Each structure stands twice: as C-alpha cells, then as structure tokens.
Amino acid sequence: MACKTKKCAAGAKKRGTKKKKIISTEFVFYAPEAEKVSVVGDFNDWDPEKHPMRKFKSGICKKKIQLKPGCYEYLFFVDGRWCIDPENSNRRMNPFGTENCVLEIGDEVIKYC
C-alpha cells in the first residue's frame, strides 16, 4: 500500500472540547534510479517543490503529509516526469488526457475512492 494514515493532535485543547484531529498520510514510492521525487496533488496545488520526498538507500521514497478528511487526487513527480502510484488502482481522468490517482481520507481509515 502506498499511503498510510494515523491521527495526530493539532491545536490547543479548551476545557470541555475535544482535540481537533488531522490525519497524517504517508506516501511511499519506489524509485531507485531517481534523483528527485515529490508527491503532488490538489492538496498542494500540484507544486513539486512543496512536498519533496525523502529517499532511502533501498530506493524507497517517503513523505508524510497532514491531510483533512476528504477526497484527493495526486501523482508522483519523478525527475520532471508525472508518475502514477502503482499501488493505487483507483484513478480519475484529468484534463490532460492522462489519469490521476484518487485517495479518500476518512476520520479513521483511508480508502481509494
């Protein structure tokens, strides 16, 4: 699975209120030959500079991003090329005639929507 989630607390707790929960989603992509890998999507205005991924010696790249519950489209940007997530078969056509990967973040779990 290319994305994992967990809850983390955000903001101050006020008396009599619950802590606000923000989902931390981990994107994972295998790119042993790549120099630079980023995760891009509608959550960061498709900007490859906003979420560069950390590359490990094994060739696996990872990035955790806090996302609110909702449905998101994303791709990986690998050395200047747009790449789909091979672990996510749920796709949606984009205006460029190719596909974006689709991910739904819920309160507890993720689903490919």
C-alpha atoms as a PDB file:
ATOM      1  CA  MET A   1       0.000   0.000   0.000  1.00  0.00           C
ATOM      2  CA  ALA A   2       1.410   3.357  -0.948  1.00  0.00           C
ATOM      3  CA  CYS A   3      -0.352   5.512   1.629  1.00  0.00           C
ATOM      4  CA  LYS A   4      -0.791   5.030   5.355  1.00  0.00           C
ATOM      5  CA  THR A   5      -2.620   7.199   7.846  1.00  0.00           C
ATOM      6  CA  LYS A   6      -2.658   7.879  11.560  1.00  0.00           C
ATOM      7  CA  LYS A   7      -4.287  10.512  13.722  1.00  0.00           C
ATOM      8  CA  CYS A   8      -2.333  13.258  15.406  1.00  0.00           C
ATOM      9  CA  ALA A   9      -3.496  16.053  17.644  1.00  0.00           C
ATOM     10  CA  ALA A  10      -3.468  19.633  16.406  1.00  0.00           C
ATOM     11  CA  GLY A  11      -4.272  22.874  18.174  1.00  0.00           C
ATOM     12  CA  ALA A  12      -4.832  23.637  21.827  1.00  0.00           C
ATOM     13  CA  LYS A  13      -7.431  21.822  23.869  1.00  0.00           C
ATOM     14  CA  LYS A  14     -10.045  24.024  25.515  1.00  0.00           C
ATOM     15  CA  ARG A  15     -11.960  22.986  28.566  1.00  0.00           C
ATOM     16  CA  GLY A  16     -14.965  20.898  27.594  1.00  0.00           C
ATOM     17  CA  THR A  17     -13.931  20.452  23.931  1.00  0.00           C
ATOM     18  CA  LYS A  18     -12.249  17.652  22.060  1.00  0.00           C
ATOM     19  CA  LYS A  19      -8.882  17.918  20.352  1.00  0.00           C
ATOM     20  CA  LYS A  20      -9.084  18.539  16.644  1.00  0.00           C
ATOM     21  CA  LYS A  21      -7.761  15.582  14.637  1.00  0.00           C
ATOM     22  CA  ILE A  22      -5.688  15.867  11.485  1.00  0.00           C
ATOM     23  CA  ILE A  23      -4.767  12.798   9.501  1.00  0.00           C
ATOM     24  CA  SER A  24      -1.103  12.137   8.752  1.00  0.00           C
ATOM     25  CA  THR A  25      -0.810  10.302   5.435  1.00  0.00           C
ATOM     26  CA  GLU A  26       2.438   8.654   4.395  1.00  0.00           C
ATOM     27  CA  PHE A  27       3.065   8.450   0.649  1.00  0.00           C
ATOM     28  CA  VAL A  28       5.541   5.792  -0.478  1.00  0.00           C
ATOM     29  CA  PHE A  29       7.072   5.372  -3.939  1.00  0.00           C
ATOM     30  CA  TYR A  30       9.861   3.072  -5.149  1.00  0.00           C
ATOM     31  CA  ALA A  31      12.298   4.927  -7.439  1.00  0.00           C
ATOM     32  CA  PRO A  32      15.855   3.541  -7.044  1.00  0.00           C
ATOM     33  CA  GLU A  33      17.285   5.444 -10.042  1.00  0.00           C
ATOM     34  CA  ALA A  34      15.549   8.778  -9.375  1.00  0.00           C
ATOM     35  CA  GLU A  35      17.398  11.899  -8.271  1.00  0.00           C
ATOM     36  CA  LYS A  36      14.349  13.857  -7.068  1.00  0.00           C
ATOM     37  CA  VAL A  37      10.861  12.626  -6.156  1.00  0.00           C
ATOM     38  CA  SER A  38       7.902  14.686  -4.905  1.00  0.00           C
ATOM     39  CA  VAL A  39       4.277  13.955  -4.154  1.00  0.00           C
ATOM     40  CA  VAL A  40       1.949  16.412  -5.864  1.00  0.00           C
ATOM     41  CA  GLY A  41      -1.793  16.801  -5.873  1.00  0.00           C
ATOM     42  CA  ASP A  42      -4.769  19.040  -5.414  1.00  0.00           C
ATOM     43  CA  PHE A  43      -3.772  19.328  -1.724  1.00  0.00           C
ATOM     44  CA  ASN A  44      -0.622  21.326  -2.686  1.00  0.00           C
ATOM     45  CA  ASP A  45      -1.733  22.984  -5.950  1.00  0.00           C
ATOM     46  CA  TRP A  46       0.277  20.407  -7.941  1.00  0.00           C
ATOM     47  CA  ASP A  47       3.537  22.109  -6.899  1.00  0.00           C
ATOM     48  CA  PRO A  48       6.524  19.684  -6.936  1.00  0.00           C
ATOM     49  CA  GLU A  49       8.510  21.996  -4.651  1.00  0.00           C
ATOM     50  CA  LYS A  50       6.022  21.807  -1.762  1.00  0.00           C
ATOM     51  CA  HIS A  51       6.401  18.126  -0.790  1.00  0.00           C
ATOM     52  CA  PRO A  52       9.757  16.607  -1.792  1.00  0.00           C
ATOM     53  CA  MET A  53      10.106  13.014  -0.646  1.00  0.00           C
ATOM     54  CA  ARG A  54      12.931  11.552   1.423  1.00  0.00           C
ATOM     55  CA  LYS A  55      14.818   8.864  -0.471  1.00  0.00           C
ATOM     56  CA  PHE A  56      16.312   5.906   1.366  1.00  0.00           C
ATOM     57  CA  LYS A  57      19.227   3.706   0.249  1.00  0.00           C
ATOM     58  CA  SER A  58      16.743   0.971  -0.626  1.00  0.00           C
ATOM     59  CA  GLY A  59      15.257   3.222  -3.336  1.00  0.00           C
ATOM     60  CA  ILE A  60      12.046   3.799  -1.400  1.00  0.00           C
ATOM     61  CA  CYS A  61      10.898   7.426  -1.134  1.00  0.00           C
ATOM     62  CA  LYS A  62       8.570   8.574   1.658  1.00  0.00           C
ATOM     63  CA  LYS A  63       6.724  11.719   2.670  1.00  0.00           C
ATOM     64  CA  LYS A  64       4.179  12.287   5.453  1.00  0.00           C
ATOM     65  CA  ILE A  65       1.583  14.987   4.851  1.00  0.00           C
ATOM     66  CA  GLN A  66      -1.221  16.069   7.158  1.00  0.00           C
ATOM     67  CA  LEU A  67      -4.500  15.992   5.246  1.00  0.00           C
ATOM     68  CA  LYS A  68      -8.006  16.745   6.431  1.00  0.00           C
ATOM     69  CA  PRO A  69     -10.688  14.147   5.672  1.00  0.00           C
ATOM     70  CA  GLY A  70     -11.755  14.346   2.043  1.00  0.00           C
ATOM     71  CA  CYS A  71     -11.088  13.028  -1.439  1.00  0.00           C
ATOM     72  CA  TYR A  72      -7.781  13.961  -3.097  1.00  0.00           C
ATOM     73  CA  GLU A  73      -6.134  13.478  -6.480  1.00  0.00           C
ATOM     74  CA  TYR A  74      -2.369  13.033  -6.624  1.00  0.00           C
ATOM     75  CA  LEU A  75       0.639  11.844  -8.631  1.00  0.00           C
ATOM     76  CA  PHE A  76       4.361  11.467  -8.030  1.00  0.00           C
ATOM     77  CA  PHE A  77       6.757  13.853  -9.786  1.00  0.00           C
ATOM     78  CA  VAL A  78       9.935  11.906 -10.554  1.00  0.00           C
ATOM     79  CA  ASP A  79      12.862  13.719 -12.191  1.00  0.00           C
ATOM     80  CA  GLY A  80      10.485  16.001 -14.090  1.00  0.00           C
ATOM     81  CA  ARG A  81       8.002  13.257 -15.087  1.00  0.00           C
ATOM     82  CA  TRP A  82       4.468  12.684 -13.757  1.00  0.00           C
ATOM     83  CA  CYS A  83       4.053   9.115 -12.438  1.00  0.00           C
ATOM     84  CA  ILE A  84       1.005   7.272 -11.163  1.00  0.00           C
ATOM     85  CA  ASP A  85       1.051   5.341  -7.909  1.00  0.00           C
ATOM     86  CA  PRO A  86       1.334   1.673  -8.945  1.00  0.00           C
ATOM     87  CA  GLU A  87      -0.196   0.614  -5.611  1.00  0.00           C
ATOM     88  CA  ASN A  88      -3.399   2.606  -6.155  1.00  0.00           C
ATOM     89  CA  SER A  89      -5.610   1.329  -8.960  1.00  0.00           C
ATOM     90  CA  ASN A  90      -8.313   3.942  -8.344  1.00  0.00           C
ATOM     91  CA  ARG A  91      -7.835   6.627 -10.979  1.00  0.00           C
ATOM     92  CA  ARG A  92      -9.673   9.566 -12.475  1.00  0.00           C
ATOM     93  CA  MET A  93      -9.142  11.142 -15.894  1.00  0.00           C
ATOM     94  CA  ASN A  94      -7.584  14.606 -15.793  1.00  0.00           C
ATOM     95  CA  PRO A  95      -7.897  17.482 -18.327  1.00  0.00           C
ATOM     96  CA  PHE A  96      -4.582  16.449 -19.948  1.00  0.00           C
ATOM     97  CA  GLY A  97      -5.888  13.080 -21.122  1.00  0.00           C
ATOM     98  CA  THR A  98      -3.988  11.064 -18.512  1.00  0.00           C
ATOM     99  CA  GLU A  99      -5.018   9.735 -15.109  1.00  0.00           C
ATOM    100  CA  ASN A 100      -4.574  10.951 -11.541  1.00  0.00           C
ATOM    101  CA  CYS A 101      -4.625   8.648  -8.532  1.00  0.00           C
ATOM    102  CA  VAL A 102      -7.536   9.198  -6.151  1.00  0.00           C
ATOM    103  CA  LEU A 103      -7.366   8.841  -2.374  1.00  0.00           C
ATOM    104  CA  GLU A 104     -10.112   9.328   0.227  1.00  0.00           C
ATOM    105  CA  ILE A 105      -9.116  10.234   3.767  1.00  0.00           C
ATOM    106  CA  GLY A 106     -11.729   9.444   6.411  1.00  0.00           C
ATOM    107  CA  ASP A 107     -11.794  10.008  10.156  1.00  0.00           C
ATOM    108  CA  GLU A 108     -10.205   6.632  10.917  1.00  0.00           C
ATOM    109  CA  VAL A 109      -9.101   4.975   7.680  1.00  0.00           C
ATOM    110  CA  ILE A 110      -8.160   5.682   4.114  1.00  0.00           C
ATOM    111  CA  LYS A 111      -9.951   4.351   1.084  1.00  0.00           C
ATOM    112  CA  TYR A 112      -9.219   4.591  -2.564  1.00  0.00           C
ATOM    113  CA  CYS A 113     -12.386   6.367  -3.769  1.00  0.00           C
END
